[in-house]
PDB file of N, CA and C in Angstrom:
ATOM      1  N   SER A   1      45.948  76.778  11.324  1.00  0.00           N
ATOM      2  CA  SER A   1      47.192  76.119  11.705  1.00  0.00           C
ATOM      3  C   SER A   1      47.592  76.512  13.120  1.00  0.00           C
ATOM      4  N   PHE A   2      48.261  75.619  13.793  1.00  0.00           N
ATOM      5  CA  PHE A   2      48.734  75.830  15.149  1.00  0.00           C
ATOM      6  C   PHE A   2      50.219  75.505  15.176  1.00  0.00           C
ATOM      7  N   ILE A   3      50.949  76.169  16.051  1.00  0.00           N
ATOM      8  CA  ILE A   3      52.385  75.940  16.158  1.00  0.00           C
ATOM      9  C   ILE A   3      52.688  75.322  17.508  1.00  0.00           C
ATOM     10  N   ASP A   4      53.352  74.189  17.480  1.00  0.00           N
ATOM     11  CA  ASP A   4      53.767  73.502  18.700  1.00  0.00           C
ATOM     12  C   ASP A   4      55.143  74.049  19.081  1.00  0.00           C
ATOM     13  N   VAL A   5      55.162  75.052  19.949  1.00  0.00           N
ATOM     14  CA  VAL A   5      56.413  75.721  20.310  1.00  0.00           C
ATOM     15  C   VAL A   5      57.308  74.839  21.170  1.00  0.00           C
ATOM     16  N   PHE A   6      56.773  73.793  21.745  1.00  0.00           N
ATOM     17  CA  PHE A   6      57.567  72.912  22.591  1.00  0.00           C
ATOM     18  C   PHE A   6      58.146  71.745  21.810  1.00  0.00           C
ATOM     19  N   ASN A   7      57.880  71.708  20.525  1.00  0.00           N
ATOM     20  CA  ASN A   7      58.330  70.585  19.707  1.00  0.00           C
ATOM     21  C   ASN A   7      58.981  71.090  18.422  1.00  0.00           C
ATOM     22  N   GLY A   8      59.874  72.046  18.555  1.00  0.00           N
ATOM     23  CA  GLY A   8      60.626  72.539  17.401  1.00  0.00           C
ATOM     24  C   GLY A   8      59.840  73.413  16.447  1.00  0.00           C
ATOM     25  N   GLY A   9      58.714  73.956  16.877  1.00  0.00           N
ATOM     26  CA  GLY A   9      57.931  74.829  16.009  1.00  0.00           C
ATOM     27  C   GLY A   9      57.129  74.076  14.963  1.00  0.00           C
ATOM     28  N   ARG A  10      56.811  72.843  15.246  1.00  0.00           N
ATOM     29  CA  ARG A  10      56.046  72.016  14.314  1.00  0.00           C
ATOM     30  C   ARG A  10      54.661  72.614  14.088  1.00  0.00           C
ATOM     31  N   VAL A  11      54.239  72.692  12.833  1.00  0.00           N
ATOM     32  CA  VAL A  11      52.917  73.216  12.483  1.00  0.00           C
ATOM     33  C   VAL A  11      51.911  72.071  12.537  1.00  0.00           C
ATOM     34  N   LEU A  12      50.799  72.310  13.251  1.00  0.00           N
ATOM     35  CA  LEU A  12      49.778  71.290  13.442  1.00  0.00           C
ATOM     36  C   LEU A  12      48.437  71.759  12.894  1.00  0.00           C
ATOM     37  N   SER A  13      47.660  70.812  12.426  1.00  0.00           N
ATOM     38  CA  SER A  13      46.264  71.082  12.066  1.00  0.00           C
ATOM     39  C   SER A  13      45.438  71.007  13.347  1.00  0.00           C
ATOM     40  N   LEU A  14      44.158  71.351  13.265  1.00  0.00           N
ATOM     41  CA  LEU A  14      43.277  71.220  14.426  1.00  0.00           C
ATOM     42  C   LEU A  14      43.249  69.774  14.908  1.00  0.00           C
ATOM     43  N   GLN A  15      43.204  68.832  13.981  1.00  0.00           N
ATOM     44  CA  GLN A  15      43.201  67.417  14.356  1.00  0.00           C
ATOM     45  C   GLN A  15      44.519  67.047  15.054  1.00  0.00           C
ATOM     46  N   GLY A  16      45.630  67.625  14.595  1.00  0.00           N
ATOM     47  CA  GLY A  16      46.915  67.375  15.237  1.00  0.00           C
ATOM     48  C   GLY A  16      46.956  67.885  16.657  1.00  0.00           C
ATOM     49  N   VAL A  17      46.384  69.053  16.884  1.00  0.00           N
ATOM     50  CA  VAL A  17      46.317  69.615  18.238  1.00  0.00           C
ATOM     51  C   VAL A  17      45.434  68.742  19.120  1.00  0.00           C
ATOM     52  N   GLN A  18      44.294  68.347  18.582  1.00  0.00           N
ATOM     53  CA  GLN A  18      43.395  67.494  19.355  1.00  0.00           C
ATOM     54  C   GLN A  18      44.072  66.176  19.715  1.00  0.00           C
ATOM     55  N   GLY A  19      44.827  65.609  18.782  1.00  0.00           N
ATOM     56  CA  GLY A  19      45.549  64.374  19.060  1.00  0.00           C
ATOM     57  C   GLY A  19      46.615  64.561  20.126  1.00  0.00           C
ATOM     58  N   LEU A  20      47.338  65.676  20.035  1.00  0.00           N
ATOM     59  CA  LEU A  20      48.371  65.979  21.021  1.00  0.00           C
ATOM     60  C   LEU A  20      47.763  66.170  22.409  1.00  0.00           C
ATOM     61  N   LEU A  21      46.678  66.925  22.486  1.00  0.00           N
ATOM     62  CA  LEU A  21      46.040  67.186  23.772  1.00  0.00           C
ATOM     63  C   LEU A  21      45.308  65.965  24.326  1.00  0.00           C
ATOM     64  N   SER A  22      44.909  65.059  23.456  1.00  0.00           N
ATOM     65  CA  SER A  22      44.210  63.860  23.938  1.00  0.00           C
ATOM     66  C   SER A  22      45.137  62.984  24.770  1.00  0.00           C
ATOM     67  N   THR A  23      46.444  63.122  24.589  1.00  0.00           N
ATOM     68  CA  THR A  23      47.385  62.354  25.417  1.00  0.00           C
ATOM     69  C   THR A  23      47.381  62.842  26.859  1.00  0.00           C
ATOM     70  N   LEU A  24      46.833  64.044  27.093  1.00  0.00           N
ATOM     71  CA  LEU A  24      46.753  64.614  28.439  1.00  0.00           C
ATOM     72  C   LEU A  24      45.469  64.240  29.158  1.00  0.00           C
ATOM     73  N   GLY A  25      44.567  63.587  28.453  1.00  0.00           N
ATOM     74  CA  GLY A  25      43.281  63.217  29.041  1.00  0.00           C
ATOM     75  C   GLY A  25      42.157  63.955  28.344  1.00  0.00           C
ATOM     76  N   PRO A  26      40.929  63.659  28.720  1.00  0.00           N
ATOM     77  CA  PRO A  26      39.789  64.307  28.057  1.00  0.00           C
ATOM     78  C   PRO A  26      39.706  65.787  28.424  1.00  0.00           C
ATOM     79  N   PRO A  27      39.215  66.622  27.496  1.00  0.00           N
ATOM     80  CA  PRO A  27      39.017  68.035  27.815  1.00  0.00           C
ATOM     81  C   PRO A  27      38.029  68.183  28.964  1.00  0.00           C
ATOM     82  N   PRO A  28      38.196  69.195  29.807  1.00  0.00           N
ATOM     83  CA  PRO A  28      37.348  69.316  31.002  1.00  0.00           C
ATOM     84  C   PRO A  28      35.868  69.496  30.705  1.00  0.00           C
ATOM     85  N   PHE A  29      35.516  70.026  29.553  1.00  0.00           N
ATOM     86  CA  PHE A  29      34.105  70.264  29.267  1.00  0.00           C
ATOM     87  C   PHE A  29      33.618  69.428  28.095  1.00  0.00           C
ATOM     88  N   GLY A  30      34.357  68.381  27.756  1.00  0.00           N
ATOM     89  CA  GLY A  30      33.913  67.466  26.724  1.00  0.00           C
ATOM     90  C   GLY A  30      34.298  67.846  25.308  1.00  0.00           C
ATOM     91  N   ARG A  31      34.554  69.126  25.050  1.00  0.00           N
ATOM     92  CA  ARG A  31      34.905  69.552  23.695  1.00  0.00           C
ATOM     93  C   ARG A  31      36.058  70.535  23.779  1.00  0.00           C
ATOM     94  N   LEU A  32      36.997  70.372  22.907  1.00  0.00           N
ATOM     95  CA  LEU A  32      38.157  71.246  22.861  1.00  0.00           C
ATOM     96  C   LEU A  32      37.775  72.563  22.187  1.00  0.00           C
ATOM     97  N   HIS A  33      38.035  73.665  22.864  1.00  0.00           N
ATOM     98  CA  HIS A  33      37.762  74.985  22.295  1.00  0.00           C
ATOM     99  C   HIS A  33      39.083  75.726  22.133  1.00  0.00           C
ATOM    100  N   LEU A  34      39.466  76.004  20.894  1.00  0.00           N
ATOM    101  CA  LEU A  34      40.702  76.728  20.617  1.00  0.00           C
ATOM    102  C   LEU A  34      40.357  78.023  19.887  1.00  0.00           C
ATOM    103  N   PRO A  35      40.408  79.147  20.594  1.00  0.00           N
ATOM    104  CA  PRO A  35      40.076  80.414  19.938  1.00  0.00           C
ATOM    105  C   PRO A  35      41.159  80.801  18.934  1.00  0.00           C
ATOM    106  N   GLU A  36      40.753  81.512  17.896  1.00  0.00           N
ATOM    107  CA  GLU A  36      41.718  81.993  16.905  1.00  0.00           C
ATOM    108  C   GLU A  36      42.576  83.081  17.528  1.00  0.00           C
ATOM    109  N   CYS A  37      43.801  83.154  17.076  1.00  0.00           N
ATOM    110  CA  CYS A  37      44.724  84.177  17.553  1.00  0.00           C
ATOM    111  C   CYS A  37      45.179  84.992  16.356  1.00  0.00           C
ATOM    112  N   PRO A  38      44.875  86.289  16.337  1.00  0.00           N
ATOM    113  CA  PRO A  38      45.324  87.116  15.223  1.00  0.00           C
ATOM    114  C   PRO A  38      46.848  87.238  15.241  1.00  0.00           C
ATOM    115  N   PRO A  39      47.462  87.567  14.109  1.00  0.00           N
ATOM    116  CA  PRO A  39      48.925  87.674  14.049  1.00  0.00           C
ATOM    117  C   PRO A  39      49.522  88.593  15.120  1.00  0.00           C
ATOM    118  N   ARG A  40      48.873  89.710  15.395  1.00  0.00           N
ATOM    119  CA  ARG A  40      49.396  90.633  16.407  1.00  0.00           C
ATOM    120  C   ARG A  40      49.404  89.983  17.791  1.00  0.00           C
ATOM    121  N   GLY A  41      48.366  89.211  18.103  1.00  0.00           N
ATOM    122  CA  GLY A  41      48.311  88.507  19.380  1.00  0.00           C
ATOM    123  C   GLY A  41      49.377  87.431  19.475  1.00  0.00           C
ATOM    124  N   PHE A  42      49.624  86.739  18.368  1.00  0.00           N
ATOM    125  CA  PHE A  42      50.657  85.706  18.324  1.00  0.00           C
ATOM    126  C   PHE A  42      52.027  86.346  18.564  1.00  0.00           C
ATOM    127  N   PHE A  43      52.292  87.460  17.894  1.00  0.00           N
ATOM    128  CA  PHE A  43      53.566  88.154  18.032  1.00  0.00           C
ATOM    129  C   PHE A  43      53.748  88.673  19.461  1.00  0.00           C
ATOM    130  N   ALA A  44      52.685  89.220  20.051  1.00  0.00           N
ATOM    131  CA  ALA A  44      52.761  89.717  21.427  1.00  0.00           C
ATOM    132  C   ALA A  44      53.063  88.580  22.393  1.00  0.00           C
ATOM    133  N   ARG A  45      52.448  87.435  22.193  1.00  0.00           N
ATOM    134  CA  ARG A  45      52.718  86.291  23.082  1.00  0.00           C
ATOM    135  C   ARG A  45      54.172  85.850  22.963  1.00  0.00           C
ATOM    136  N   MET A  46      54.670  85.810  21.733  1.00  0.00           N
ATOM    137  CA  MET A  46      56.061  85.429  21.515  1.00  0.00           C
ATOM    138  C   MET A  46      56.999  86.410  22.223  1.00  0.00           C
ATOM    139  N   LEU A  47      56.708  87.708  22.109  1.00  0.00           N
ATOM    140  CA  LEU A  47      57.544  88.711  22.770  1.00  0.00           C
ATOM    141  C   LEU A  47      57.455  88.605  24.291  1.00  0.00           C
ATOM    142  N   ARG A  48      56.270  88.309  24.823  1.00  0.00           N
ATOM    143  CA  ARG A  48      56.140  88.111  26.281  1.00  0.00           C
ATOM    144  C   ARG A  48      57.005  86.936  26.746  1.00  0.00           C
ATOM    145  N   ASN A  49      56.986  85.863  25.982  1.00  0.00           N
ATOM    146  CA  ASN A  49      57.802  84.701  26.329  1.00  0.00           C
ATOM    147  C   ASN A  49      59.287  85.046  26.282  1.00  0.00           C
ATOM    148  N   LEU A  50      59.696  85.770  25.246  1.00  0.00           N
ATOM    149  CA  LEU A  50      61.106  86.150  25.123  1.00  0.00           C
ATOM    150  C   LEU A  50      61.538  87.096  26.240  1.00  0.00           C
ATOM    151  N   THR A  51      60.677  88.036  26.614  1.00  0.00           N
ATOM    152  CA  THR A  51      61.056  88.950  27.698  1.00  0.00           C
ATOM    153  C   THR A  51      61.268  88.176  28.988  1.00  0.00           C
ATOM    154  N   ALA A  52      60.435  87.180  29.246  1.00  0.00           N
ATOM    155  CA  ALA A  52      60.592  86.372  30.462  1.00  0.00           C
ATOM    156  C   ALA A  52      61.913  85.598  30.430  1.00  0.00           C
ATOM    157  N   VAL A  53      62.255  85.038  29.281  1.00  0.00           N
ATOM    158  CA  VAL A  53      63.498  84.273  29.146  1.00  0.00           C
ATOM    159  C   VAL A  53      64.705  85.185  29.331  1.00  0.00           C
ATOM    160  N   PHE A  54      64.707  86.330  28.652  1.00  0.00           N
ATOM    161  CA  PHE A  54      65.850  87.244  28.739  1.00  0.00           C
ATOM    162  C   PHE A  54      65.985  87.852  30.128  1.00  0.00           C
ATOM    163  N   GLN A  55      64.876  88.162  30.769  1.00  0.00           N
ATOM    164  CA  GLN A  55      64.935  88.721  32.120  1.00  0.00           C
ATOM    165  C   GLN A  55      65.512  87.690  33.088  1.00  0.00           C
ATOM    166  N   ALA A  56      65.056  86.451  32.991  1.00  0.00           N
ATOM    167  CA  ALA A  56      65.556  85.395  33.878  1.00  0.00           C
ATOM    168  C   ALA A  56      67.043  85.116  33.642  1.00  0.00           C
ATOM    169  N   ALA A  57      67.501  85.281  32.396  1.00  0.00           N
ATOM    170  CA  ALA A  57      68.899  85.021  32.054  1.00  0.00           C
ATOM    171  C   ALA A  57      69.797  86.223  32.342  1.00  0.00           C
ATOM    172  N   GLY A  58      69.187  87.350  32.736  1.00  0.00           N
ATOM    173  CA  GLY A  58      69.978  88.546  33.018  1.00  0.00           C
ATOM    174  C   GLY A  58      70.507  89.234  31.770  1.00  0.00           C
ATOM    175  N   LYS A  59      69.886  88.984  30.628  1.00  0.00           N
ATOM    176  CA  LYS A  59      70.303  89.608  29.361  1.00  0.00           C
ATOM    177  C   LYS A  59      69.506  90.895  29.179  1.00  0.00           C
ATOM    178  N   THR A  60      69.969  91.942  29.852  1.00  0.00           N
ATOM    179  CA  THR A  60      69.217  93.189  29.945  1.00  0.00           C
ATOM    180  C   THR A  60      68.962  93.824  28.585  1.00  0.00           C
ATOM    181  N   SER A  61      69.966  93.881  27.711  1.00  0.00           N
ATOM    182  CA  SER A  61      69.776  94.524  26.402  1.00  0.00           C
ATOM    183  C   SER A  61      68.701  93.823  25.590  1.00  0.00           C
ATOM    184  N   SER A  62      68.748  92.506  25.557  1.00  0.00           N
ATOM    185  CA  SER A  62      67.746  91.740  24.804  1.00  0.00           C
ATOM    186  C   SER A  62      66.369  91.872  25.455  1.00  0.00           C
ATOM    187  N   PHE A  63      66.355  91.888  26.797  1.00  0.00           N
ATOM    188  CA  PHE A  63      65.095  92.059  27.522  1.00  0.00           C
ATOM    189  C   PHE A  63      64.443  93.389  27.162  1.00  0.00           C
ATOM    190  N   ILE A  64      65.219  94.474  27.218  1.00  0.00           N
ATOM    191  CA  ILE A  64      64.680  95.806  26.922  1.00  0.00           C
ATOM    192  C   ILE A  64      64.236  95.903  25.464  1.00  0.00           C
ATOM    193  N   LEU A  65      65.004  95.315  24.556  1.00  0.00           N
ATOM    194  CA  LEU A  65      64.629  95.342  23.140  1.00  0.00           C
ATOM    195  C   LEU A  65      63.276  94.660  22.927  1.00  0.00           C
ATOM    196  N   CYS A  66      63.114  93.451  23.479  1.00  0.00           N
ATOM    197  CA  CYS A  66      61.839  92.732  23.326  1.00  0.00           C
ATOM    198  C   CYS A  66      60.702  93.451  24.031  1.00  0.00           C
ATOM    199  N   LEU A  67      60.983  93.995  25.206  1.00  0.00           N
ATOM    200  CA  LEU A  67      59.952  94.709  25.953  1.00  0.00           C
ATOM    201  C   LEU A  67      59.505  95.958  25.197  1.00  0.00           C
ATOM    202  N   SER A  68      60.447  96.670  24.582  1.00  0.00           N
ATOM    203  CA  SER A  68      60.102  97.861  23.796  1.00  0.00           C
ATOM    204  C   SER A  68      59.251  97.493  22.589  1.00  0.00           C
ATOM    205  N   GLN A  69      59.593  96.392  21.927  1.00  0.00           N
ATOM    206  CA  GLN A  69      58.790  95.938  20.790  1.00  0.00           C
ATOM    207  C   GLN A  69      57.398  95.506  21.247  1.00  0.00           C
ATOM    208  N   LEU A  70      57.350  94.822  22.377  1.00  0.00           N
ATOM    209  CA  LEU A  70      56.062  94.401  22.930  1.00  0.00           C
ATOM    210  C   LEU A  70      55.195  95.612  23.250  1.00  0.00           C
ATOM    211  N   LEU A  71      55.802  96.635  23.805  1.00  0.00           N
ATOM    212  CA  LEU A  71      55.066  97.859  24.125  1.00  0.00           C
ATOM    213  C   LEU A  71      54.406  98.431  22.872  1.00  0.00           C
ATOM    214  N   GLU A  72      55.131  98.460  21.763  1.00  0.00           N
ATOM    215  CA  GLU A  72      54.568  99.007  20.518  1.00  0.00           C
ATOM    216  C   GLU A  72      53.455  98.117  19.958  1.00  0.00           C
ATOM    217  N   VAL A  73      53.623  96.818  20.055  1.00  0.00           N
ATOM    218  CA  VAL A  73      52.574  95.897  19.574  1.00  0.00           C
ATOM    219  C   VAL A  73      51.314  96.071  20.412  1.00  0.00           C
ATOM    220  N   VAL A  74      51.477  96.176  21.727  1.00  0.00           N
ATOM    221  CA  VAL A  74      50.328  96.323  22.617  1.00  0.00           C
ATOM    222  C   VAL A  74      49.659  97.678  22.400  1.00  0.00           C
ATOM    223  N   ARG A  75      50.443  98.722  22.175  1.00  0.00           N
ATOM    224  CA  ARG A  75      49.861 100.045  21.889  1.00  0.00           C
ATOM    225  C   ARG A  75      48.966 100.007  20.655  1.00  0.00           C
ATOM    226  N   ALA A  76      49.350  99.188  19.676  1.00  0.00           N
ATOM    227  CA  ALA A  76      48.585  99.100  18.427  1.00  0.00           C
ATOM    228  C   ALA A  76      47.337  98.230  18.571  1.00  0.00           C
ATOM    229  N   THR A  77      47.200  97.573  19.715  1.00  0.00           N
ATOM    230  CA  THR A  77      46.063  96.700  19.973  1.00  0.00           C
ATOM    231  C   THR A  77      45.089  97.409  20.905  1.00  0.00           C
ATOM    232  N   ASP A  78      43.843  97.388  20.550  1.00  0.00           N
ATOM    233  CA  ASP A  78      42.836  98.031  21.393  1.00  0.00           C
ATOM    234  C   ASP A  78      42.574  97.204  22.642  1.00  0.00           C
ATOM    235  N   GLY A  79      42.379  97.904  23.746  1.00  0.00           N
ATOM    236  CA  GLY A  79      41.885  97.245  24.941  1.00  0.00           C
ATOM    237  C   GLY A  79      42.899  96.865  25.995  1.00  0.00           C
ATOM    238  N   GLU A  80      44.162  96.732  25.651  1.00  0.00           N
ATOM    239  CA  GLU A  80      45.137  96.303  26.655  1.00  0.00           C
ATOM    240  C   GLU A  80      45.948  97.500  27.133  1.00  0.00           C
ATOM    241  N   SER A  81      46.161  97.571  28.424  1.00  0.00           N
ATOM    242  CA  SER A  81      46.917  98.667  29.020  1.00  0.00           C
ATOM    243  C   SER A  81      48.411  98.479  28.771  1.00  0.00           C
ATOM    244  N   VAL A  82      49.102  99.588  28.537  1.00  0.00           N
ATOM    245  CA  VAL A  82      50.548  99.532  28.316  1.00  0.00           C
ATOM    246  C   VAL A  82      51.324 100.021  29.540  1.00  0.00           C
ATOM    247  N   GLU A  83      50.624 100.441  30.570  1.00  0.00           N
ATOM    248  CA  GLU A  83      51.265 101.042  31.739  1.00  0.00           C
ATOM    249  C   GLU A  83      52.308 100.120  32.371  1.00  0.00           C
ATOM    250  N   HIS A  84      51.984  98.849  32.504  1.00  0.00           N
ATOM    251  CA  HIS A  84      52.913  97.890  33.120  1.00  0.00           C
ATOM    252  C   HIS A  84      54.225  97.816  32.333  1.00  0.00           C
ATOM    253  N   TYR A  85      54.129  97.753  31.008  1.00  0.00           N
ATOM    254  CA  TYR A  85      55.325  97.648  30.174  1.00  0.00           C
ATOM    255  C   TYR A  85      56.153  98.933  30.237  1.00  0.00           C
ATOM    256  N   GLU A  86      55.476 100.071  30.244  1.00  0.00           N
ATOM    257  CA  GLU A  86      56.190 101.355  30.362  1.00  0.00           C
ATOM    258  C   GLU A  86      56.931 101.434  31.689  1.00  0.00           C
ATOM    259  N   GLN A  87      56.302 100.973  32.768  1.00  0.00           N
ATOM    260  CA  GLN A  87      56.948 100.992  34.080  1.00  0.00           C
ATOM    261  C   GLN A  87      58.170 100.077  34.108  1.00  0.00           C
ATOM    262  N   GLN A  88      58.059  98.905  33.494  1.00  0.00           N
ATOM    263  CA  GLN A  88      59.201  97.990  33.454  1.00  0.00           C
ATOM    264  C   GLN A  88      60.373  98.601  32.700  1.00  0.00           C
ATOM    265  N   ILE A  89      60.093  99.229  31.568  1.00  0.00           N
ATOM    266  CA  ILE A  89      61.161  99.857  30.782  1.00  0.00           C
ATOM    267  C   ILE A  89      61.812 100.976  31.587  1.00  0.00           C
ATOM    268  N   ASP A  90      61.003 101.823  32.210  1.00  0.00           N
ATOM    269  CA  ASP A  90      61.554 102.920  33.033  1.00  0.00           C
ATOM    270  C   ASP A  90      62.409 102.377  34.173  1.00  0.00           C
ATOM    271  N   GLU A  91      61.933 101.323  34.820  1.00  0.00           N
ATOM    272  CA  GLU A  91      62.677 100.732  35.936  1.00  0.00           C
ATOM    273  C   GLU A  91      64.050 100.247  35.474  1.00  0.00           C
ATOM    274  N   TYR A  92      64.088  99.570  34.334  1.00  0.00           N
ATOM    275  CA  TYR A  92      65.375  99.070  33.839  1.00  0.00           C
ATOM    276  C   TYR A  92      66.280 100.203  33.364  1.00  0.00           C
ATOM    277  N   ARG A  93      65.713 101.256  32.829  1.00  0.00           N
ATOM    278  CA  ARG A  93      66.539 102.413  32.432  1.00  0.00           C
ATOM    279  C   ARG A  93      67.166 103.067  33.662  1.00  0.00           C
ATOM    280  N   TRP A  94      66.361 103.240  34.721  1.00  0.00           N
ATOM    281  CA  TRP A  94      66.880 103.870  35.941  1.00  0.00           C
ATOM    282  C   TRP A  94      67.914 102.996  36.631  1.00  0.00           C
ATOM    283  N   THR A  95      67.630 101.706  36.768  1.00  0.00           N
ATOM    284  CA  THR A  95      68.583 100.830  37.454  1.00  0.00           C
ATOM    285  C   THR A  95      69.860 100.657  36.636  1.00  0.00           C
ATOM    286  N   GLY A  96      69.722 100.632  35.306  1.00  0.00           N
ATOM    287  CA  GLY A  96      70.914 100.561  34.455  1.00  0.00           C
ATOM    288  C   GLY A  96      71.773 101.806  34.584  1.00  0.00           C
ATOM    289  N   GLY A  97      71.123 102.968  34.612  1.00  0.00           N
ATOM    290  CA  GLY A  97      71.850 104.227  34.795  1.00  0.00           C
ATOM    291  C   GLY A  97      72.523 104.282  36.161  1.00  0.00           C
ATOM    292  N   ALA A  98      71.858 103.781  37.169  1.00  0.00           N
ATOM    293  CA  ALA A  98      72.415 103.774  38.514  1.00  0.00           C
ATOM    294  C   ALA A  98      73.652 102.873  38.582  1.00  0.00           C
ATOM    295  N   ARG A  99      73.639 101.745  37.852  1.00  0.00           N
ATOM    296  CA  ARG A  99      74.800 100.852  37.819  1.00  0.00           C
ATOM    297  C   ARG A  99      75.993 101.537  37.176  1.00  0.00           C
ATOM    298  N   ILE A 100      75.753 102.317  36.142  1.00  0.00           N
ATOM    299  CA  ILE A 100      76.841 103.020  35.455  1.00  0.00           C
ATOM    300  C   ILE A 100      77.458 104.060  36.379  1.00  0.00           C
ATOM    301  N   LEU A 101      76.612 104.799  37.107  1.00  0.00           N
ATOM    302  CA  LEU A 101      77.109 105.852  38.009  1.00  0.00           C
ATOM    303  C   LEU A 101      77.774 105.289  39.246  1.00  0.00           C
ATOM    304  N   ASN A 102      77.424 104.101  39.609  1.00  0.00           N
ATOM    305  CA  ASN A 102      77.939 103.490  40.836  1.00  0.00           C
ATOM    306  C   ASN A 102      79.297 102.968  40.647  1.00  0.00           C
TER     307      ASN A 102
END
């Protein structure tokens, strides 16, 4: 199953995805390749999207909450570095503290 996040979270079959993407033109290599996404990867992608939305909206508390959850999901996944997320959290903690003292 696939989730169309741009269309109200509609659940699609592979044929549904192929039909949706066919409106964009033929696939560049002749065949549509959709790799499977494990639940942890799906959750991490959702959290990445939410962190971007909250950061752009200036909702610092929600941004930090999602970023902290993303950090834990990524830590539990082999192969991906967490350094970037740790640096972002530290940066927001320091700048938030500086705003309070200022």
